[in-house]
PDB file of N, CA and C in Angstrom:
ATOM      1  N   MET A   1     -14.823  -4.811  28.377  1.00  0.00           N
ATOM      2  CA  MET A   1     -13.200  -4.432  28.617  1.00  0.00           C
ATOM      3  C   MET A   1     -13.256  -4.620  27.000  1.00  0.00           C
ATOM      4  N   SER A   2     -12.894  -3.699  26.112  1.00  0.00           N
ATOM      5  CA  SER A   2     -12.598  -3.198  24.639  1.00  0.00           C
ATOM      6  C   SER A   2     -11.368  -2.695  24.089  1.00  0.00           C
ATOM      7  N   THR A   3     -10.869  -3.515  23.331  1.00  0.00           N
ATOM      8  CA  THR A   3      -9.591  -3.217  22.462  1.00  0.00           C
ATOM      9  C   THR A   3      -9.793  -2.846  21.529  1.00  0.00           C
ATOM     10  N   ALA A   4      -8.978  -2.058  20.710  1.00  0.00           N
ATOM     11  CA  ALA A   4      -9.457  -1.503  19.562  1.00  0.00           C
ATOM     12  C   ALA A   4      -8.086  -1.735  18.802  1.00  0.00           C
ATOM     13  N   TYR A   5      -8.828  -2.436  17.361  1.00  0.00           N
ATOM     14  CA  TYR A   5      -7.574  -3.572  16.756  1.00  0.00           C
ATOM     15  C   TYR A   5      -6.482  -2.795  15.989  1.00  0.00           C
ATOM     16  N   GLN A   6      -5.631  -2.862  16.258  1.00  0.00           N
ATOM     17  CA  GLN A   6      -4.538  -1.369  15.365  1.00  0.00           C
ATOM     18  C   GLN A   6      -3.776  -2.560  14.625  1.00  0.00           C
ATOM     19  N   PRO A   7      -3.548  -2.540  13.220  1.00  0.00           N
ATOM     20  CA  PRO A   7      -3.171  -3.601  12.432  1.00  0.00           C
ATOM     21  C   PRO A   7      -1.775  -2.884  12.090  1.00  0.00           C
ATOM     22  N   ARG A   8      -0.713  -3.698  12.121  1.00  0.00           N
ATOM     23  CA  ARG A   8       0.900  -3.203  11.830  1.00  0.00           C
ATOM     24  C   ARG A   8       1.044  -2.878  10.637  1.00  0.00           C
ATOM     25  N   LEU A   9       0.492  -3.550   9.639  1.00  0.00           N
ATOM     26  CA  LEU A   9       0.874  -3.236   8.215  1.00  0.00           C
ATOM     27  C   LEU A   9      -0.380  -3.077   7.381  1.00  0.00           C
ATOM     28  N   VAL A  10      -0.855  -2.249   6.227  1.00  0.00           N
ATOM     29  CA  VAL A  10      -2.118  -2.133   5.451  1.00  0.00           C
ATOM     30  C   VAL A  10      -1.554  -2.008   3.761  1.00  0.00           C
ATOM     31  N   MET A  11      -2.561  -3.563   3.616  1.00  0.00           N
ATOM     32  CA  MET A  11      -2.125  -2.938   1.969  1.00  0.00           C
ATOM     33  C   MET A  11      -3.282  -1.937   1.635  1.00  0.00           C
ATOM     34  N   ILE A  12      -2.932  -1.410   0.419  1.00  0.00           N
ATOM     35  CA  ILE A  12      -4.411  -0.207  -0.306  1.00  0.00           C
ATOM     36  C   ILE A  12      -3.865   0.023  -1.620  1.00  0.00           C
ATOM     37  N   THR A  13      -4.620  -0.942  -1.818  1.00  0.00           N
ATOM     38  CA  THR A  13      -4.851  -1.057  -3.688  1.00  0.00           C
ATOM     39  C   THR A  13      -5.717   0.532  -4.187  1.00  0.00           C
ATOM     40  N   GLY A  14      -5.211   1.167  -5.222  1.00  0.00           N
ATOM     41  CA  GLY A  14      -5.973   2.293  -5.561  1.00  0.00           C
ATOM     42  C   GLY A  14      -5.166   3.839  -4.753  1.00  0.00           C
ATOM     43  N   ALA A  15      -3.916   3.375  -4.260  1.00  0.00           N
ATOM     44  CA  ALA A  15      -3.649   4.273  -3.364  1.00  0.00           C
ATOM     45  C   ALA A  15      -3.201   5.998  -4.181  1.00  0.00           C
ATOM     46  N   THR A  16      -3.071   6.385  -5.382  1.00  0.00           N
ATOM     47  CA  THR A  16      -2.872   7.078  -5.854  1.00  0.00           C
ATOM     48  C   THR A  16      -4.248   7.881  -6.090  1.00  0.00           C
ATOM     49  N   GLY A  17      -5.189   7.593  -6.290  1.00  0.00           N
ATOM     50  CA  GLY A  17      -6.433   7.829  -6.267  1.00  0.00           C
ATOM     51  C   GLY A  17      -6.740   8.877  -4.979  1.00  0.00           C
ATOM     52  N   GLY A  18      -7.986   9.522  -4.934  1.00  0.00           N
ATOM     53  CA  GLY A  18      -8.222  10.441  -3.688  1.00  0.00           C
ATOM     54  C   GLY A  18      -8.454  10.043  -2.237  1.00  0.00           C
ATOM     55  N   PHE A  19      -9.576   8.416  -2.433  1.00  0.00           N
ATOM     56  CA  PHE A  19      -9.890   7.783  -1.342  1.00  0.00           C
ATOM     57  C   PHE A  19      -8.598   7.073  -1.305  1.00  0.00           C
ATOM     58  N   GLY A  20      -8.053   6.120  -1.524  1.00  0.00           N
ATOM     59  CA  GLY A  20      -6.522   5.685  -1.599  1.00  0.00           C
ATOM     60  C   GLY A  20      -5.693   6.521  -0.349  1.00  0.00           C
ATOM     61  N   GLN A  21      -5.561   7.504  -1.024  1.00  0.00           N
ATOM     62  CA  GLN A  21      -4.785   8.823  -0.663  1.00  0.00           C
ATOM     63  C   GLN A  21      -4.866   8.881   0.556  1.00  0.00           C
ATOM     64  N   ALA A  22      -6.339   9.150   0.743  1.00  0.00           N
ATOM     65  CA  ALA A  22      -6.799   9.941   2.340  1.00  0.00           C
ATOM     66  C   ALA A  22      -6.834   8.520   3.642  1.00  0.00           C
ATOM     67  N   LEU A  23      -6.767   7.457   2.864  1.00  0.00           N
ATOM     68  CA  LEU A  23      -6.718   6.091   3.688  1.00  0.00           C
ATOM     69  C   LEU A  23      -5.551   5.779   4.350  1.00  0.00           C
ATOM     70  N   SER A  24      -4.351   6.245   2.718  1.00  0.00           N
ATOM     71  CA  SER A  24      -3.216   6.165   2.882  1.00  0.00           C
ATOM     72  C   SER A  24      -2.817   6.894   4.574  1.00  0.00           C
ATOM     73  N   ARG A  25      -2.352   8.393   4.097  1.00  0.00           N
ATOM     74  CA  ARG A  25      -2.562   8.993   4.945  1.00  0.00           C
ATOM     75  C   ARG A  25      -2.999   8.402   6.698  1.00  0.00           C
ATOM     76  N   ARG A  26      -4.624   8.116   6.330  1.00  0.00           N
ATOM     77  CA  ARG A  26      -5.061   7.886   8.076  1.00  0.00           C
ATOM     78  C   ARG A  26      -4.116   6.866   8.783  1.00  0.00           C
ATOM     79  N   PHE A  27      -3.668   5.219   7.667  1.00  0.00           N
ATOM     80  CA  PHE A  27      -3.374   4.706   8.379  1.00  0.00           C
ATOM     81  C   PHE A  27      -1.662   5.310   8.677  1.00  0.00           C
ATOM     82  N   ALA A  28      -0.975   6.037   8.269  1.00  0.00           N
ATOM     83  CA  ALA A  28       0.195   6.145   8.184  1.00  0.00           C
ATOM     84  C   ALA A  28       0.343   7.129   9.464  1.00  0.00           C
ATOM     85  N   ALA A  29      -0.799   7.590  10.031  1.00  0.00           N
ATOM     86  CA  ALA A  29      -1.002   8.800  11.008  1.00  0.00           C
ATOM     87  C   ALA A  29      -1.073   7.557  12.302  1.00  0.00           C
ATOM     88  N   ALA A  30      -2.218   6.628  11.679  1.00  0.00           N
ATOM     89  CA  ALA A  30      -2.226   5.383  13.366  1.00  0.00           C
ATOM     90  C   ALA A  30      -0.918   4.865  13.320  1.00  0.00           C
ATOM     91  N   GLY A  31       0.264   4.952  12.581  1.00  0.00           N
ATOM     92  CA  GLY A  31       1.259   4.010  12.579  1.00  0.00           C
ATOM     93  C   GLY A  31       1.541   2.977  12.299  1.00  0.00           C
ATOM     94  N   CYS A  32       0.967   2.673  10.955  1.00  0.00           N
ATOM     95  CA  CYS A  32       0.745   1.292  10.180  1.00  0.00           C
ATOM     96  C   CYS A  32       1.759   1.202   9.133  1.00  0.00           C
ATOM     97  N   GLY A  33       2.617   0.118   9.433  1.00  0.00           N
ATOM     98  CA  GLY A  33       3.676   0.133   7.335  1.00  0.00           C
ATOM     99  C   GLY A  33       2.349   0.070   6.658  1.00  0.00           C
ATOM    100  N   LEU A  34       3.021   0.536   5.415  1.00  0.00           N
ATOM    101  CA  LEU A  34       2.040   0.492   4.177  1.00  0.00           C
ATOM    102  C   LEU A  34       2.453  -0.757   3.253  1.00  0.00           C
ATOM    103  N   ILE A  35       1.101  -1.225   2.476  1.00  0.00           N
ATOM    104  CA  ILE A  35       1.787  -1.554   1.292  1.00  0.00           C
ATOM    105  C   ILE A  35       0.952  -0.402   0.052  1.00  0.00           C
ATOM    106  N   LEU A  36       1.429   0.051  -0.753  1.00  0.00           N
ATOM    107  CA  LEU A  36       0.816   1.143  -1.692  1.00  0.00           C
ATOM    108  C   LEU A  36       0.683   0.882  -3.174  1.00  0.00           C
ATOM    109  N   THR A  37      -0.527   0.638  -3.659  1.00  0.00           N
ATOM    110  CA  THR A  37      -0.371   0.007  -4.807  1.00  0.00           C
ATOM    111  C   THR A  37      -1.040   0.875  -5.902  1.00  0.00           C
ATOM    112  N   GLY A  38      -0.828   1.084  -6.974  1.00  0.00           N
ATOM    113  CA  GLY A  38      -1.552   2.337  -8.134  1.00  0.00           C
ATOM    114  C   GLY A  38      -1.239   1.972  -9.549  1.00  0.00           C
ATOM    115  N   ARG A  39      -1.752   2.713 -10.366  1.00  0.00           N
ATOM    116  CA  ARG A  39      -0.926   2.606 -11.791  1.00  0.00           C
ATOM    117  C   ARG A  39      -0.171   4.140 -12.209  1.00  0.00           C
ATOM    118  N   GLN A  40      -0.036   4.450 -10.967  1.00  0.00           N
ATOM    119  CA  GLN A  40       0.577   5.994 -11.404  1.00  0.00           C
ATOM    120  C   GLN A  40       1.772   5.874 -11.001  1.00  0.00           C
ATOM    121  N   HIS A  41       3.106   5.723 -11.460  1.00  0.00           N
ATOM    122  CA  HIS A  41       4.469   5.045 -10.374  1.00  0.00           C
ATOM    123  C   HIS A  41       4.839   6.453 -10.290  1.00  0.00           C
ATOM    124  N   SER A  42       4.627   7.830 -10.677  1.00  0.00           N
ATOM    125  CA  SER A  42       4.988   9.268 -10.110  1.00  0.00           C
ATOM    126  C   SER A  42       3.903   9.366  -8.831  1.00  0.00           C
ATOM    127  N   ALA A  43       2.997   8.967  -8.749  1.00  0.00           N
ATOM    128  CA  ALA A  43       1.908   9.467  -7.953  1.00  0.00           C
ATOM    129  C   ALA A  43       2.459   8.508  -6.481  1.00  0.00           C
ATOM    130  N   LEU A  44       2.604   7.355  -6.911  1.00  0.00           N
ATOM    131  CA  LEU A  44       3.052   6.577  -6.171  1.00  0.00           C
ATOM    132  C   LEU A  44       4.714   7.190  -4.995  1.00  0.00           C
ATOM    133  N   ARG A  45       5.329   7.233  -5.742  1.00  0.00           N
ATOM    134  CA  ARG A  45       6.203   7.921  -5.307  1.00  0.00           C
ATOM    135  C   ARG A  45       6.654   9.085  -4.457  1.00  0.00           C
ATOM    136  N   GLU A  46       5.411  10.335  -5.249  1.00  0.00           N
ATOM    137  CA  GLU A  46       5.110  11.107  -3.991  1.00  0.00           C
ATOM    138  C   GLU A  46       4.576  10.874  -2.819  1.00  0.00           C
ATOM    139  N   LEU A  47       3.374  10.346  -2.745  1.00  0.00           N
ATOM    140  CA  LEU A  47       2.774   9.510  -1.677  1.00  0.00           C
ATOM    141  C   LEU A  47       3.595   8.769  -0.857  1.00  0.00           C
ATOM    142  N   THR A  48       4.448   7.739  -1.495  1.00  0.00           N
ATOM    143  CA  THR A  48       5.543   7.394  -0.085  1.00  0.00           C
ATOM    144  C   THR A  48       6.779   8.326   0.297  1.00  0.00           C
ATOM    145  N   GLN A  49       7.029   9.334  -0.184  1.00  0.00           N
ATOM    146  CA  GLN A  49       7.998  10.571   0.190  1.00  0.00           C
ATOM    147  C   GLN A  49       7.374  10.979   1.159  1.00  0.00           C
ATOM    148  N   GLU A  50       6.170  11.271   1.477  1.00  0.00           N
ATOM    149  CA  GLU A  50       5.258  12.286   2.214  1.00  0.00           C
ATOM    150  C   GLU A  50       5.417  11.466   3.513  1.00  0.00           C
ATOM    151  N   LEU A  51       4.956   9.966   3.364  1.00  0.00           N
ATOM    152  CA  LEU A  51       4.348   9.827   4.788  1.00  0.00           C
ATOM    153  C   LEU A  51       5.452   8.978   5.712  1.00  0.00           C
ATOM    154  N   ALA A  52       5.249   9.652   7.048  1.00  0.00           N
ATOM    155  CA  ALA A  52       6.560   9.113   7.928  1.00  0.00           C
ATOM    156  C   ALA A  52       6.823   7.551   8.418  1.00  0.00           C
ATOM    157  N   VAL A  53       6.207   6.620   7.840  1.00  0.00           N
ATOM    158  CA  VAL A  53       6.343   5.052   8.012  1.00  0.00           C
ATOM    159  C   VAL A  53       6.728   4.523   7.094  1.00  0.00           C
ATOM    160  N   PRO A  54       7.302   3.019   7.725  1.00  0.00           N
ATOM    161  CA  PRO A  54       7.408   2.258   6.532  1.00  0.00           C
ATOM    162  C   PRO A  54       6.670   2.077   5.309  1.00  0.00           C
ATOM    163  N   THR A  55       6.722   2.569   4.096  1.00  0.00           N
ATOM    164  CA  THR A  55       6.184   2.521   2.698  1.00  0.00           C
ATOM    165  C   THR A  55       6.581   1.684   1.900  1.00  0.00           C
ATOM    166  N   HIS A  56       5.939   0.976   1.023  1.00  0.00           N
ATOM    167  CA  HIS A  56       6.324   0.250  -0.253  1.00  0.00           C
ATOM    168  C   HIS A  56       5.583  -0.146  -1.232  1.00  0.00           C
ATOM    169  N   PRO A  57       6.242   1.041  -2.357  1.00  0.00           N
ATOM    170  CA  PRO A  57       5.117   1.396  -3.197  1.00  0.00           C
ATOM    171  C   PRO A  57       4.771   0.418  -4.491  1.00  0.00           C
ATOM    172  N   VAL A  58       3.960  -0.108  -5.163  1.00  0.00           N
ATOM    173  CA  VAL A  58       3.839  -1.068  -5.769  1.00  0.00           C
ATOM    174  C   VAL A  58       2.653  -0.822  -6.920  1.00  0.00           C
ATOM    175  N   VAL A  59       3.674  -0.362  -7.938  1.00  0.00           N
ATOM    176  CA  VAL A  59       2.836  -0.256  -9.025  1.00  0.00           C
ATOM    177  C   VAL A  59       2.181  -1.718 -10.015  1.00  0.00           C
ATOM    178  N   LEU A  60       1.016  -1.408 -10.236  1.00  0.00           N
ATOM    179  CA  LEU A  60      -0.077  -2.489 -10.070  1.00  0.00           C
ATOM    180  C   LEU A  60      -1.364  -1.857 -10.513  1.00  0.00           C
ATOM    181  N   ASP A  61      -2.069  -2.935 -11.452  1.00  0.00           N
ATOM    182  CA  ASP A  61      -2.906  -2.401 -12.114  1.00  0.00           C
ATOM    183  C   ASP A  61      -3.990  -3.614 -11.227  1.00  0.00           C
ATOM    184  N   VAL A  62      -4.630  -3.277 -10.263  1.00  0.00           N
ATOM    185  CA  VAL A  62      -5.546  -4.717  -9.943  1.00  0.00           C
ATOM    186  C   VAL A  62      -6.478  -5.424 -10.977  1.00  0.00           C
ATOM    187  N   THR A  63      -6.598  -4.879 -11.977  1.00  0.00           N
ATOM    188  CA  THR A  63      -7.521  -5.336 -13.148  1.00  0.00           C
ATOM    189  C   THR A  63      -6.865  -6.480 -14.017  1.00  0.00           C
ATOM    190  N   ASP A  64      -5.629  -6.330 -13.810  1.00  0.00           N
ATOM    191  CA  ASP A  64      -4.795  -7.599 -14.840  1.00  0.00           C
ATOM    192  C   ASP A  64      -4.114  -8.225 -14.030  1.00  0.00           C
ATOM    193  N   ARG A  65      -5.224  -9.488 -14.221  1.00  0.00           N
ATOM    194  CA  ARG A  65      -4.631 -11.261 -12.948  1.00  0.00           C
ATOM    195  C   ARG A  65      -3.524 -11.632 -13.100  1.00  0.00           C
ATOM    196  N   GLY A  66      -2.857 -11.420 -14.310  1.00  0.00           N
ATOM    197  CA  GLY A  66      -1.140 -11.792 -14.026  1.00  0.00           C
ATOM    198  C   GLY A  66      -0.071 -11.146 -13.337  1.00  0.00           C
ATOM    199  N   ALA A  67      -0.638  -9.513 -13.190  1.00  0.00           N
ATOM    200  CA  ALA A  67       0.223  -8.785 -12.567  1.00  0.00           C
ATOM    201  C   ALA A  67       0.019  -8.779 -10.676  1.00  0.00           C
ATOM    202  N   LEU A  68      -1.596  -9.501 -10.738  1.00  0.00           N
ATOM    203  CA  LEU A  68      -1.794  -9.629  -9.478  1.00  0.00           C
ATOM    204  C   LEU A  68      -0.862 -10.934  -8.893  1.00  0.00           C
ATOM    205  N   VAL A  69      -1.131 -12.247  -9.503  1.00  0.00           N
ATOM    206  CA  VAL A  69      -0.608 -13.408  -9.408  1.00  0.00           C
ATOM    207  C   VAL A  69       1.121 -13.060  -8.991  1.00  0.00           C
ATOM    208  N   ALA A  70       1.333 -12.385 -10.052  1.00  0.00           N
ATOM    209  CA  ALA A  70       3.190 -12.366 -10.240  1.00  0.00           C
ATOM    210  C   ALA A  70       3.844 -11.243  -8.525  1.00  0.00           C
ATOM    211  N   ALA A  71       2.614 -10.528  -7.904  1.00  0.00           N
ATOM    212  CA  ALA A  71       2.740  -9.817  -6.991  1.00  0.00           C
ATOM    213  C   ALA A  71       2.576 -10.791  -5.499  1.00  0.00           C
ATOM    214  N   GLY A  72       1.436 -11.577  -5.687  1.00  0.00           N
ATOM    215  CA  GLY A  72       1.284 -12.728  -4.468  1.00  0.00           C
ATOM    216  C   GLY A  72       2.718 -13.360  -4.072  1.00  0.00           C
ATOM    217  N   CYS A  73       2.961 -13.970  -5.276  1.00  0.00           N
ATOM    218  CA  CYS A  73       4.189 -14.740  -5.624  1.00  0.00           C
ATOM    219  C   CYS A  73       5.176 -14.328  -5.194  1.00  0.00           C
ATOM    220  N   GLN A  74       5.456 -13.027  -5.294  1.00  0.00           N
ATOM    221  CA  GLN A  74       6.968 -12.343  -4.638  1.00  0.00           C
ATOM    222  C   GLN A  74       6.288 -11.860  -3.126  1.00  0.00           C
ATOM    223  N   CYS A  75       5.350 -12.043  -2.575  1.00  0.00           N
ATOM    224  CA  CYS A  75       5.149 -11.717  -1.565  1.00  0.00           C
ATOM    225  C   CYS A  75       5.327 -13.159  -0.609  1.00  0.00           C
ATOM    226  N   ALA A  76       4.992 -14.111  -1.571  1.00  0.00           N
ATOM    227  CA  ALA A  76       4.891 -15.070  -0.726  1.00  0.00           C
ATOM    228  C   ALA A  76       6.302 -15.418  -0.159  1.00  0.00           C
ATOM    229  N   ALA A  77       7.222 -15.301  -1.513  1.00  0.00           N
ATOM    230  CA  ALA A  77       8.412 -16.223  -1.438  1.00  0.00           C
ATOM    231  C   ALA A  77       8.999 -15.023  -0.498  1.00  0.00           C
ATOM    232  N   GLY A  78       8.790 -13.662  -0.120  1.00  0.00           N
ATOM    233  CA  GLY A  78       9.582 -12.950   0.251  1.00  0.00           C
ATOM    234  C   GLY A  78      10.595 -12.182  -0.183  1.00  0.00           C
ATOM    235  N   ARG A  79       9.958 -11.613  -1.393  1.00  0.00           N
ATOM    236  CA  ARG A  79      10.727 -10.701  -2.312  1.00  0.00           C
ATOM    237  C   ARG A  79      10.301  -9.381  -2.037  1.00  0.00           C
ATOM    238  N   GLN A  80      11.102  -8.748  -2.660  1.00  0.00           N
ATOM    239  CA  GLN A  80      10.419  -7.169  -2.513  1.00  0.00           C
ATOM    240  C   GLN A  80       9.727  -7.313  -3.619  1.00  0.00           C
ATOM    241  N   LEU A  81       8.592  -6.229  -4.113  1.00  0.00           N
ATOM    242  CA  LEU A  81       7.905  -6.106  -5.210  1.00  0.00           C
ATOM    243  C   LEU A  81       8.773  -5.211  -5.932  1.00  0.00           C
TER     244      LEU A  81
END
């Protein structure tokens, strides 16, 4: 018997790019909640409005170590990003 893994929450970095947008739409279609990161606030906002699942956009450049640490600390503390 095989059971497919169904995540409830997915974090997608680079969600404002083509591949990231496609992944976001795919996971949303599967009913997953999403944490979307990207450098472009307006593109994140548009994508978030398009998706019909709980979505939390985070303006974040993953090459910025300080920003990553701050976002991780906020998540660990249970605060909104």
